[in-house]
Amino acid sequence: MTIDRSTPALGALFQELILEHYKKPRNRGAIPDADATVHMKNPTCGDEIHLGLKLDSDGRISDVKFLGEGCSISQASASMMTSLLVGKTPSETHELGARFAAMMHGDDAAASDRALGDTRALAGVAKFPVRVKCALLGWDAVAEALKKVKAR
């Protein structure tokens, strides 16, 4: 099933969801006892993300928070991503990150994958290649944080 974002009402709904996450980001903050912290910056536009990650005793993400500055796409994407990842294993997180990246590169099947939750609202970003890095910034940060945890 392909999500048709060309329908004005559906496009407006996705736009509203992106703005909602930008104005009222979920999981914004720091984790004092994080297992890994990462700072990433998009050199093209200057958007920044500071991400903290905590895993539980089963190796699942128990908490993930971010602080950052930047455009509505980077900040909304990080907010949506953090809401999606709590309870996921590193493997599940990498799979979701790969699906999200595929969606950002125009993969319609990925854009229809319900496993991506609210992040599917960002599928339209694929039409603006210069903004794709903004949407991927949080995902890149969580992948780097998981590398740090694995290297310990």
N, C-alpha and C. Protein backbone atom coordinates (compact mmCIF):
# COMPACT_ATOMS: atom_id res chain seq x y z
N MET A 1 0.85 -1.18 0.00
CA MET A 1 0.00 0.00 0.00
C MET A 1 0.89 1.24 0.00
N THR A 2 0.65 2.12 -0.90
CA THR A 2 1.38 3.36 -0.98
C THR A 2 0.59 4.47 -0.30
N ILE A 3 1.29 5.26 0.48
CA ILE A 3 0.64 6.40 1.11
C ILE A 3 0.65 7.55 0.14
N ASP A 4 -0.51 8.02 -0.22
CA ASP A 4 -0.63 9.12 -1.18
C ASP A 4 -0.64 10.45 -0.43
N ARG A 5 0.53 11.12 -0.45
CA ARG A 5 0.64 12.39 0.25
C ARG A 5 0.20 13.56 -0.62
N SER A 6 -0.22 13.24 -1.84
CA SER A 6 -0.65 14.31 -2.72
C SER A 6 -2.07 14.77 -2.40
N THR A 7 -2.81 13.95 -1.66
CA THR A 7 -4.15 14.35 -1.24
C THR A 7 -4.02 15.50 -0.26
N PRO A 8 -4.62 16.64 -0.54
CA PRO A 8 -4.43 17.81 0.32
C PRO A 8 -4.72 17.53 1.81
N ALA A 9 -5.81 16.83 2.11
CA ALA A 9 -6.15 16.59 3.51
C ALA A 9 -5.10 15.73 4.20
N LEU A 10 -4.62 14.69 3.52
CA LEU A 10 -3.60 13.82 4.11
C LEU A 10 -2.27 14.55 4.22
N GLY A 11 -1.92 15.32 3.21
CA GLY A 11 -0.69 16.10 3.27
C GLY A 11 -0.74 17.08 4.42
N ALA A 12 -1.87 17.72 4.65
CA ALA A 12 -2.02 18.66 5.76
C ALA A 12 -1.91 17.94 7.10
N LEU A 13 -2.45 16.72 7.18
CA LEU A 13 -2.37 15.94 8.41
C LEU A 13 -0.91 15.62 8.74
N PHE A 14 -0.15 15.19 7.74
CA PHE A 14 1.26 14.89 7.96
C PHE A 14 2.03 16.16 8.33
N GLN A 15 1.73 17.27 7.67
CA GLN A 15 2.37 18.54 7.99
C GLN A 15 2.09 18.92 9.44
N GLU A 16 0.84 18.73 9.86
CA GLU A 16 0.45 19.07 11.23
C GLU A 16 1.20 18.19 12.24
N LEU A 17 1.36 16.91 11.92
CA LEU A 17 2.07 15.99 12.82
C LEU A 17 3.54 16.40 12.96
N ILE A 18 4.17 16.80 11.85
CA ILE A 18 5.57 17.25 11.90
C ILE A 18 5.68 18.50 12.77
N LEU A 19 4.79 19.46 12.57
CA LEU A 19 4.83 20.69 13.37
C LEU A 19 4.55 20.41 14.84
N GLU A 20 3.65 19.48 15.12
CA GLU A 20 3.33 19.10 16.50
C GLU A 20 4.58 18.57 17.21
N HIS A 21 5.33 17.68 16.54
CA HIS A 21 6.56 17.14 17.15
C HIS A 21 7.63 18.22 17.26
N TYR A 22 7.66 19.16 16.32
CA TYR A 22 8.66 20.23 16.38
C TYR A 22 8.36 21.18 17.54
N LYS A 23 7.10 21.54 17.71
CA LYS A 23 6.74 22.49 18.75
C LYS A 23 6.71 21.86 20.14
N LYS A 24 6.33 20.58 20.21
CA LYS A 24 6.26 19.87 21.49
C LYS A 24 7.01 18.55 21.36
N PRO A 25 8.35 18.63 21.30
CA PRO A 25 9.12 17.40 21.08
C PRO A 25 8.99 16.42 22.24
N ARG A 26 8.90 15.16 21.88
CA ARG A 26 8.87 14.09 22.87
C ARG A 26 10.32 13.70 23.19
N ASN A 27 10.51 13.26 24.43
CA ASN A 27 11.82 12.74 24.87
C ASN A 27 12.94 13.76 24.71
N ARG A 28 12.62 15.00 24.95
CA ARG A 28 13.64 16.05 24.90
C ARG A 28 14.28 16.13 26.28
N GLY A 29 15.60 16.12 26.32
CA GLY A 29 16.32 16.20 27.58
C GLY A 29 17.57 15.35 27.55
N ALA A 30 18.17 15.20 28.71
CA ALA A 30 19.40 14.41 28.84
C ALA A 30 19.14 13.24 29.78
N ILE A 31 19.93 12.19 29.63
CA ILE A 31 19.86 11.03 30.52
C ILE A 31 21.15 11.06 31.34
N PRO A 32 21.06 11.39 32.64
CA PRO A 32 22.28 11.53 33.45
C PRO A 32 23.16 10.28 33.47
N ASP A 33 22.57 9.10 33.49
CA ASP A 33 23.35 7.86 33.56
C ASP A 33 23.26 7.09 32.23
N ALA A 34 23.30 7.81 31.14
CA ALA A 34 23.20 7.19 29.82
C ALA A 34 24.34 6.20 29.58
N ASP A 35 24.04 5.14 28.86
CA ASP A 35 25.07 4.17 28.46
C ASP A 35 25.94 4.73 27.35
N ALA A 36 25.39 5.66 26.57
CA ALA A 36 26.15 6.30 25.50
C ALA A 36 25.53 7.66 25.20
N THR A 37 26.40 8.60 24.89
CA THR A 37 25.94 9.92 24.44
C THR A 37 26.68 10.24 23.14
N VAL A 38 25.98 10.96 22.28
CA VAL A 38 26.53 11.30 20.97
C VAL A 38 26.13 12.73 20.63
N HIS A 39 27.05 13.45 20.02
CA HIS A 39 26.74 14.76 19.48
C HIS A 39 26.98 14.69 17.98
N MET A 40 25.98 15.08 17.21
CA MET A 40 26.13 15.08 15.75
C MET A 40 25.65 16.42 15.22
N LYS A 41 26.32 16.84 14.15
CA LYS A 41 25.96 18.11 13.52
C LYS A 41 25.91 17.91 12.02
N ASN A 42 24.90 18.44 11.41
CA ASN A 42 24.80 18.42 9.96
C ASN A 42 25.63 19.59 9.43
N PRO A 43 26.78 19.31 8.80
CA PRO A 43 27.65 20.40 8.36
C PRO A 43 27.02 21.29 7.29
N THR A 44 26.05 20.76 6.59
CA THR A 44 25.42 21.52 5.52
C THR A 44 24.56 22.66 6.04
N CYS A 45 23.78 22.37 7.08
CA CYS A 45 22.82 23.38 7.55
C CYS A 45 23.05 23.81 9.00
N GLY A 46 23.88 23.06 9.75
CA GLY A 46 24.17 23.43 11.13
C GLY A 46 23.25 22.80 12.17
N ASP A 47 22.27 22.01 11.75
CA ASP A 47 21.39 21.33 12.72
C ASP A 47 22.24 20.46 13.64
N GLU A 48 21.86 20.42 14.93
CA GLU A 48 22.62 19.63 15.91
C GLU A 48 21.70 18.75 16.73
N ILE A 49 22.24 17.60 17.12
CA ILE A 49 21.56 16.68 18.01
C ILE A 49 22.56 16.19 19.06
N HIS A 50 22.17 16.26 20.32
CA HIS A 50 22.88 15.61 21.42
C HIS A 50 21.93 14.50 21.85
N LEU A 51 22.36 13.27 21.75
CA LEU A 51 21.48 12.13 22.03
C LEU A 51 22.07 11.28 23.14
N GLY A 52 21.21 10.87 24.06
CA GLY A 52 21.60 9.93 25.12
C GLY A 52 20.78 8.67 24.99
N LEU A 53 21.42 7.54 25.31
CA LEU A 53 20.77 6.24 25.13
C LEU A 53 21.02 5.39 26.37
N LYS A 54 19.99 4.71 26.82
CA LYS A 54 20.10 3.81 27.97
C LYS A 54 19.46 2.49 27.58
N LEU A 55 20.17 1.39 27.89
CA LEU A 55 19.64 0.05 27.62
C LEU A 55 19.29 -0.62 28.94
N ASP A 56 18.28 -1.48 28.92
CA ASP A 56 17.93 -2.22 30.13
C ASP A 56 18.76 -3.51 30.20
N SER A 57 18.52 -4.33 31.22
CA SER A 57 19.32 -5.54 31.43
C SER A 57 19.12 -6.57 30.31
N ASP A 58 18.03 -6.45 29.55
CA ASP A 58 17.79 -7.36 28.41
C ASP A 58 18.39 -6.82 27.12
N GLY A 59 19.03 -5.67 27.19
CA GLY A 59 19.64 -5.07 26.00
C GLY A 59 18.68 -4.27 25.14
N ARG A 60 17.50 -4.00 25.67
CA ARG A 60 16.53 -3.18 24.93
C ARG A 60 16.70 -1.72 25.33
N ILE A 61 16.33 -0.83 24.42
CA ILE A 61 16.41 0.60 24.72
C ILE A 61 15.35 0.93 25.77
N SER A 62 15.82 1.37 26.93
CA SER A 62 14.88 1.73 27.99
C SER A 62 14.63 3.23 28.01
N ASP A 63 15.56 4.00 27.46
CA ASP A 63 15.36 5.44 27.40
C ASP A 63 16.25 6.02 26.29
N VAL A 64 15.72 6.95 25.59
CA VAL A 64 16.49 7.68 24.58
C VAL A 64 15.95 9.11 24.56
N LYS A 65 16.86 10.04 24.77
CA LYS A 65 16.47 11.46 24.82
C LYS A 65 17.41 12.26 23.93
N PHE A 66 16.94 13.43 23.54
CA PHE A 66 17.77 14.29 22.70
C PHE A 66 17.59 15.75 23.07
N LEU A 67 18.61 16.50 22.79
CA LEU A 67 18.57 17.95 22.82
C LEU A 67 19.10 18.39 21.47
N GLY A 68 18.63 19.47 20.97
CA GLY A 68 19.14 19.88 19.68
C GLY A 68 18.58 21.20 19.23
N GLU A 69 19.16 21.65 18.16
CA GLU A 69 18.72 22.87 17.52
C GLU A 69 18.72 22.63 16.03
N GLY A 70 17.76 23.22 15.37
CA GLY A 70 17.73 23.07 13.94
C GLY A 70 16.34 23.22 13.37
N CYS A 71 16.20 22.77 12.17
CA CYS A 71 14.95 22.94 11.45
C CYS A 71 13.87 22.01 11.97
N SER A 72 12.65 22.26 11.54
CA SER A 72 11.51 21.45 11.97
C SER A 72 11.68 19.99 11.56
N ILE A 73 12.33 19.75 10.43
CA ILE A 73 12.49 18.36 9.97
C ILE A 73 13.43 17.59 10.90
N SER A 74 14.59 18.15 11.23
CA SER A 74 15.55 17.42 12.07
C SER A 74 14.99 17.21 13.48
N GLN A 75 14.37 18.22 14.03
CA GLN A 75 13.88 18.11 15.40
C GLN A 75 12.63 17.23 15.50
N ALA A 76 11.72 17.35 14.55
CA ALA A 76 10.53 16.48 14.54
C ALA A 76 10.93 15.04 14.29
N SER A 77 11.89 14.82 13.40
CA SER A 77 12.34 13.47 13.11
C SER A 77 12.93 12.83 14.37
N ALA A 78 13.75 13.57 15.11
CA ALA A 78 14.35 13.04 16.34
C ALA A 78 13.26 12.75 17.38
N SER A 79 12.28 13.62 17.48
CA SER A 79 11.18 13.40 18.43
C SER A 79 10.40 12.13 18.08
N MET A 80 10.05 11.99 16.81
CA MET A 80 9.31 10.80 16.37
C MET A 80 10.14 9.54 16.57
N MET A 81 11.43 9.63 16.23
CA MET A 81 12.32 8.47 16.35
C MET A 81 12.44 8.01 17.80
N THR A 82 12.65 8.94 18.73
CA THR A 82 12.81 8.54 20.13
C THR A 82 11.53 7.90 20.66
N SER A 83 10.39 8.37 20.22
CA SER A 83 9.12 7.76 20.65
C SER A 83 8.99 6.34 20.12
N LEU A 84 9.55 6.09 18.97
CA LEU A 84 9.46 4.78 18.32
C LEU A 84 10.41 3.75 18.92
N LEU A 85 11.55 4.18 19.44
CA LEU A 85 12.62 3.24 19.77
C LEU A 85 12.60 2.66 21.17
N VAL A 86 11.90 3.26 22.11
CA VAL A 86 11.88 2.70 23.46
C VAL A 86 11.29 1.29 23.41
N GLY A 87 12.04 0.34 23.99
CA GLY A 87 11.62 -1.06 24.02
C GLY A 87 12.22 -1.90 22.89
N LYS A 88 12.87 -1.26 21.95
CA LYS A 88 13.45 -1.97 20.79
C LYS A 88 14.86 -2.47 21.12
N THR A 89 15.25 -3.58 20.51
CA THR A 89 16.63 -4.09 20.62
C THR A 89 17.50 -3.28 19.66
N PRO A 90 18.82 -3.35 19.83
CA PRO A 90 19.69 -2.69 18.85
C PRO A 90 19.44 -3.20 17.43
N SER A 91 19.23 -4.49 17.27
CA SER A 91 18.97 -5.04 15.93
C SER A 91 17.69 -4.46 15.33
N GLU A 92 16.63 -4.41 16.14
CA GLU A 92 15.37 -3.82 15.66
C GLU A 92 15.56 -2.34 15.32
N THR A 93 16.37 -1.65 16.12
CA THR A 93 16.64 -0.23 15.88
C THR A 93 17.37 -0.03 14.55
N HIS A 94 18.36 -0.90 14.30
CA HIS A 94 19.09 -0.80 13.03
C HIS A 94 18.16 -1.08 11.84
N GLU A 95 17.27 -2.07 12.00
CA GLU A 95 16.32 -2.38 10.92
C GLU A 95 15.40 -1.20 10.65
N LEU A 96 14.89 -0.58 11.72
CA LEU A 96 14.02 0.58 11.54
C LEU A 96 14.78 1.75 10.91
N GLY A 97 16.03 1.93 11.32
CA GLY A 97 16.85 2.98 10.74
C GLY A 97 17.07 2.76 9.25
N ALA A 98 17.28 1.50 8.87
CA ALA A 98 17.47 1.18 7.45
C ALA A 98 16.19 1.43 6.66
N ARG A 99 15.04 1.07 7.26
CA ARG A 99 13.75 1.32 6.59
C ARG A 99 13.49 2.82 6.46
N PHE A 100 13.82 3.56 7.52
CA PHE A 100 13.62 5.01 7.47
C PHE A 100 14.52 5.63 6.39
N ALA A 101 15.77 5.19 6.32
CA ALA A 101 16.69 5.71 5.30
C ALA A 101 16.17 5.37 3.90
N ALA A 102 15.64 4.15 3.74
CA ALA A 102 15.06 3.78 2.43
C ALA A 102 13.90 4.71 2.08
N MET A 103 13.06 5.00 3.08
CA MET A 103 11.94 5.92 2.85
C MET A 103 12.47 7.29 2.46
N MET A 104 13.53 7.74 3.08
CA MET A 104 14.10 9.06 2.77
C MET A 104 14.69 9.09 1.36
N HIS A 105 14.97 7.92 0.81
CA HIS A 105 15.49 7.86 -0.55
C HIS A 105 14.41 7.47 -1.55
N GLY A 106 13.14 7.63 -1.14
CA GLY A 106 12.03 7.49 -2.06
C GLY A 106 11.42 6.11 -2.18
N ASP A 107 11.76 5.19 -1.29
CA ASP A 107 11.19 3.83 -1.34
C ASP A 107 9.74 3.87 -0.83
N ASP A 108 8.79 3.69 -1.75
CA ASP A 108 7.37 3.74 -1.38
C ASP A 108 6.98 2.61 -0.45
N ALA A 109 7.59 1.43 -0.61
CA ALA A 109 7.26 0.29 0.28
C ALA A 109 7.67 0.63 1.71
N ALA A 110 8.81 1.25 1.88
CA ALA A 110 9.24 1.66 3.23
C ALA A 110 8.28 2.71 3.79
N ALA A 111 7.83 3.64 2.95
CA ALA A 111 6.91 4.68 3.40
C ALA A 111 5.57 4.11 3.86
N SER A 112 5.26 2.91 3.43
CA SER A 112 4.00 2.27 3.83
C SER A 112 4.17 1.34 5.01
N ASP A 113 5.40 1.17 5.49
CA ASP A 113 5.69 0.23 6.57
C ASP A 113 5.21 0.81 7.91
N ARG A 114 4.18 0.20 8.44
CA ARG A 114 3.60 0.69 9.70
C ARG A 114 4.58 0.63 10.87
N ALA A 115 5.61 -0.20 10.75
CA ALA A 115 6.62 -0.29 11.82
C ALA A 115 7.31 1.05 12.04
N LEU A 116 7.29 1.92 11.04
CA LEU A 116 7.94 3.23 11.17
C LEU A 116 7.08 4.25 11.92
N GLY A 117 5.85 3.89 12.27
CA GLY A 117 5.01 4.76 13.09
C GLY A 117 4.86 6.16 12.51
N ASP A 118 4.89 7.14 13.39
CA ASP A 118 4.71 8.55 12.99
C ASP A 118 5.79 9.03 12.04
N THR A 119 6.95 8.38 12.05
CA THR A 119 8.04 8.86 11.18
C THR A 119 7.64 8.82 9.71
N ARG A 120 6.60 8.04 9.39
CA ARG A 120 6.13 7.98 8.00
C ARG A 120 5.63 9.34 7.52
N ALA A 121 5.30 10.22 8.46
CA ALA A 121 4.86 11.57 8.08
C ALA A 121 5.97 12.33 7.36
N LEU A 122 7.21 11.87 7.53
CA LEU A 122 8.36 12.54 6.92
C LEU A 122 8.68 12.02 5.53
N ALA A 123 7.88 11.11 5.00
CA ALA A 123 8.16 10.51 3.69
C ALA A 123 8.29 11.56 2.60
N GLY A 124 7.55 12.64 2.70
CA GLY A 124 7.60 13.70 1.69
C GLY A 124 8.94 14.40 1.61
N VAL A 125 9.77 14.26 2.65
CA VAL A 125 11.10 14.87 2.65
C VAL A 125 11.95 14.30 1.52
N ALA A 126 11.66 13.07 1.10
CA ALA A 126 12.42 12.43 0.02
C ALA A 126 12.42 13.28 -1.26
N LYS A 127 11.41 14.12 -1.41
CA LYS A 127 11.33 14.97 -2.60
C LYS A 127 12.28 16.16 -2.52
N PHE A 128 12.92 16.35 -1.37
CA PHE A 128 13.81 17.49 -1.16
C PHE A 128 15.17 16.96 -0.67
N PRO A 129 16.01 16.50 -1.60
CA PRO A 129 17.27 15.83 -1.22
C PRO A 129 18.13 16.61 -0.22
N VAL A 130 18.11 17.92 -0.28
CA VAL A 130 18.94 18.70 0.64
C VAL A 130 18.45 18.55 2.08
N ARG A 131 17.19 18.16 2.28
CA ARG A 131 16.63 18.02 3.63
C ARG A 131 16.73 16.60 4.18
N VAL A 132 17.10 15.64 3.33
CA VAL A 132 17.17 14.24 3.77
C VAL A 132 18.16 14.09 4.93
N LYS A 133 19.31 14.77 4.86
CA LYS A 133 20.29 14.68 5.94
C LYS A 133 19.71 15.21 7.25
N CYS A 134 18.83 16.20 7.17
CA CYS A 134 18.18 16.73 8.36
C CYS A 134 17.34 15.63 9.02
N ALA A 135 16.57 14.93 8.21
CA ALA A 135 15.69 13.88 8.74
C ALA A 135 16.48 12.70 9.28
N LEU A 136 17.65 12.44 8.72
CA LEU A 136 18.46 11.29 9.14
C LEU A 136 19.37 11.60 10.34
N LEU A 137 19.49 12.85 10.74
CA LEU A 137 20.45 13.23 11.78
C LEU A 137 20.24 12.44 13.08
N GLY A 138 19.03 12.37 13.57
CA GLY A 138 18.75 11.62 14.80
C GLY A 138 19.03 10.14 14.65
N TRP A 139 18.67 9.59 13.49
CA TRP A 139 18.92 8.16 13.24
C TRP A 139 20.41 7.88 13.19
N ASP A 140 21.18 8.79 12.58
CA ASP A 140 22.64 8.63 12.56
C ASP A 140 23.20 8.68 13.98
N ALA A 141 22.64 9.55 14.81
CA ALA A 141 23.10 9.68 16.19
C ALA A 141 22.81 8.41 16.99
N VAL A 142 21.63 7.84 16.83
CA VAL A 142 21.32 6.62 17.59
C VAL A 142 22.17 5.45 17.10
N ALA A 143 22.47 5.39 15.81
CA ALA A 143 23.34 4.32 15.29
C ALA A 143 24.74 4.46 15.90
N GLU A 144 25.23 5.68 16.00
CA GLU A 144 26.54 5.92 16.60
C GLU A 144 26.53 5.58 18.10
N ALA A 145 25.45 5.91 18.78
CA ALA A 145 25.34 5.59 20.21
C ALA A 145 25.34 4.06 20.41
N LEU A 146 24.67 3.34 19.54
CA LEU A 146 24.65 1.88 19.65
C LEU A 146 26.05 1.29 19.39
N LYS A 147 26.81 1.91 18.49
CA LYS A 147 28.20 1.47 18.25
C LYS A 147 29.02 1.65 19.53
N LYS A 148 28.83 2.77 20.20
CA LYS A 148 29.57 3.03 21.44
C LYS A 148 29.22 2.00 22.51
N VAL A 149 27.93 1.67 22.62
CA VAL A 149 27.50 0.69 23.62
C VAL A 149 28.12 -0.67 23.30
N LYS A 150 28.10 -1.04 22.03
CA LYS A 150 28.63 -2.35 21.61
C LYS A 150 30.14 -2.42 21.84
N ALA A 151 30.85 -1.31 21.68
CA ALA A 151 32.31 -1.29 21.82
C ALA A 151 32.75 -1.36 23.28
N ARG A 152 31.85 -1.16 24.21
CA ARG A 152 32.23 -1.18 25.63
C ARG A 152 32.55 -2.57 26.12
